Amino acid sequence: MAFIEVAPHNFGKEKQYENVAACLIAFACRLSFMHASDHYKGWLAFDVIEAEKENEIKLMANYSKKYGALKFGETTMVIPPAGGKKLIDEFLNFNYENY
């Protein structure tokens, strides 16, 4: 997954839509189940790079807490298949077992 960002009108109490980032991440997980092969099926990897190290650490903690992402190296995070299935079920209302 590369470059995910929520639009400014979807932040705070007055946001227009709920769970935009969660839906995008869940969809990326679904694509991994659909198109990856062998040992890569269901895995989602992405890098978290922020200008300030403190913000990077907070963002990585947020991805861990909200999406079950695991730190892999200095800036890389991965969502394993079990976590991806959970996100797909919760945010896309889609049964991943169809793949």
Protein backbone atom coordinates (compact mmCIF):
# COMPACT_ATOMS: atom_id res chain seq x y z
CA MET A 1 0.00 0.00 0.00
CA ALA A 2 1.34 3.42 -0.84
CA PHE A 3 0.23 6.87 0.19
CA ILE A 4 -2.97 6.88 2.17
CA GLU A 5 -4.32 10.18 3.42
CA VAL A 6 -7.70 11.36 4.62
CA ALA A 7 -9.03 14.62 3.19
CA PRO A 8 -9.19 17.62 5.55
CA HIS A 9 -13.02 17.64 5.51
CA ASN A 10 -12.98 14.16 7.11
CA PHE A 11 -11.22 15.17 10.34
CA GLY A 12 -12.70 16.17 13.67
CA LYS A 13 -16.29 16.39 14.88
CA GLU A 14 -17.59 17.94 11.66
CA LYS A 15 -16.17 15.26 9.34
CA GLN A 16 -18.23 14.37 6.30
CA TYR A 17 -17.60 10.58 6.31
CA GLU A 18 -16.67 8.04 8.97
CA ASN A 19 -13.86 5.45 8.76
CA VAL A 20 -12.42 6.57 5.42
CA ALA A 21 -8.89 5.35 6.21
CA ALA A 22 -10.22 2.08 7.63
CA CYS A 23 -12.24 1.40 4.47
CA LEU A 24 -9.27 2.16 2.23
CA ILE A 25 -6.98 -0.10 4.25
CA ALA A 26 -9.59 -2.88 4.32
CA PHE A 27 -9.95 -2.62 0.55
CA ALA A 28 -6.17 -2.88 0.11
CA CYS A 29 -6.25 -6.01 2.29
CA ARG A 30 -9.01 -7.42 0.10
CA LEU A 31 -6.92 -6.79 -3.01
CA SER A 32 -4.07 -8.71 -1.40
CA PHE A 33 -6.32 -11.73 -0.92
CA MET A 34 -7.53 -11.43 -4.52
CA HIS A 35 -4.24 -10.88 -6.35
CA ALA A 36 -1.30 -12.02 -4.22
CA SER A 37 -0.09 -15.59 -4.40
CA ASP A 38 1.46 -18.18 -2.15
CA HIS A 39 2.90 -16.85 1.10
CA TYR A 40 2.07 -13.22 0.23
CA LYS A 41 -1.69 -13.77 0.01
CA GLY A 42 -3.49 -11.58 2.52
CA TRP A 43 -0.44 -9.62 3.69
CA LEU A 44 -0.43 -5.83 3.42
CA ALA A 45 2.81 -3.88 3.84
CA PHE A 46 3.31 -0.12 3.96
CA ASP A 47 5.80 2.47 5.15
CA VAL A 48 5.06 5.20 7.65
CA ILE A 49 7.22 8.22 6.99
CA GLU A 50 6.59 11.53 8.73
CA ALA A 51 8.70 14.66 8.79
CA GLU A 52 8.85 14.63 12.59
CA LYS A 53 9.89 11.40 14.33
CA GLU A 54 7.39 11.98 17.17
CA ASN A 55 4.50 12.13 14.69
CA GLU A 56 5.79 8.99 12.97
CA ILE A 57 5.80 7.11 16.28
CA LYS A 58 2.25 8.28 17.08
CA LEU A 59 1.02 7.32 13.63
CA MET A 60 2.57 3.83 13.89
CA ALA A 61 0.95 3.37 17.31
CA ASN A 62 -2.38 4.40 15.79
CA TYR A 63 -2.04 1.89 12.93
CA SER A 64 -1.23 -0.83 15.47
CA LYS A 65 -4.17 -0.03 17.70
CA LYS A 66 -6.85 0.64 15.07
CA TYR A 67 -5.84 -1.76 12.28
CA GLY A 68 -3.72 -4.46 13.92
CA ALA A 69 -0.58 -3.45 12.02
CA LEU A 70 2.76 -4.79 13.23
CA LYS A 71 6.04 -2.91 13.04
CA PHE A 72 8.52 -4.55 10.69
CA GLY A 73 11.82 -2.73 10.54
CA GLU A 74 12.23 0.98 11.19
CA THR A 75 9.38 2.46 9.14
CA THR A 76 7.62 -0.55 7.61
CA MET A 77 4.41 -1.98 9.01
CA VAL A 78 2.46 -5.06 7.96
CA ILE A 79 -1.09 -6.23 8.46
CA PRO A 80 -1.18 -10.04 8.58
CA PRO A 81 -3.95 -12.04 6.88
CA ALA A 82 -5.98 -12.54 10.07
CA GLY A 83 -5.99 -8.80 10.71
CA GLY A 84 -6.89 -8.11 7.09
CA LYS A 85 -9.85 -10.50 7.29
CA LYS A 86 -11.08 -8.70 10.38
CA LEU A 87 -10.84 -5.30 8.67
CA ILE A 88 -12.61 -6.59 5.55
CA ASP A 89 -15.47 -8.00 7.63
CA GLU A 90 -15.79 -4.90 9.80
CA PHE A 91 -15.41 -2.08 7.28
CA LEU A 92 -16.47 -3.56 3.95
CA ASN A 93 -19.19 -5.97 5.12
CA PHE A 94 -17.70 -8.49 2.75
CA ASN A 95 -17.10 -12.17 3.33
CA TYR A 96 -13.43 -12.71 2.45
CA GLU A 97 -13.92 -16.49 2.21
CA ASN A 98 -15.31 -15.99 -1.30
CA TYR A 99 -11.68 -15.77 -2.55
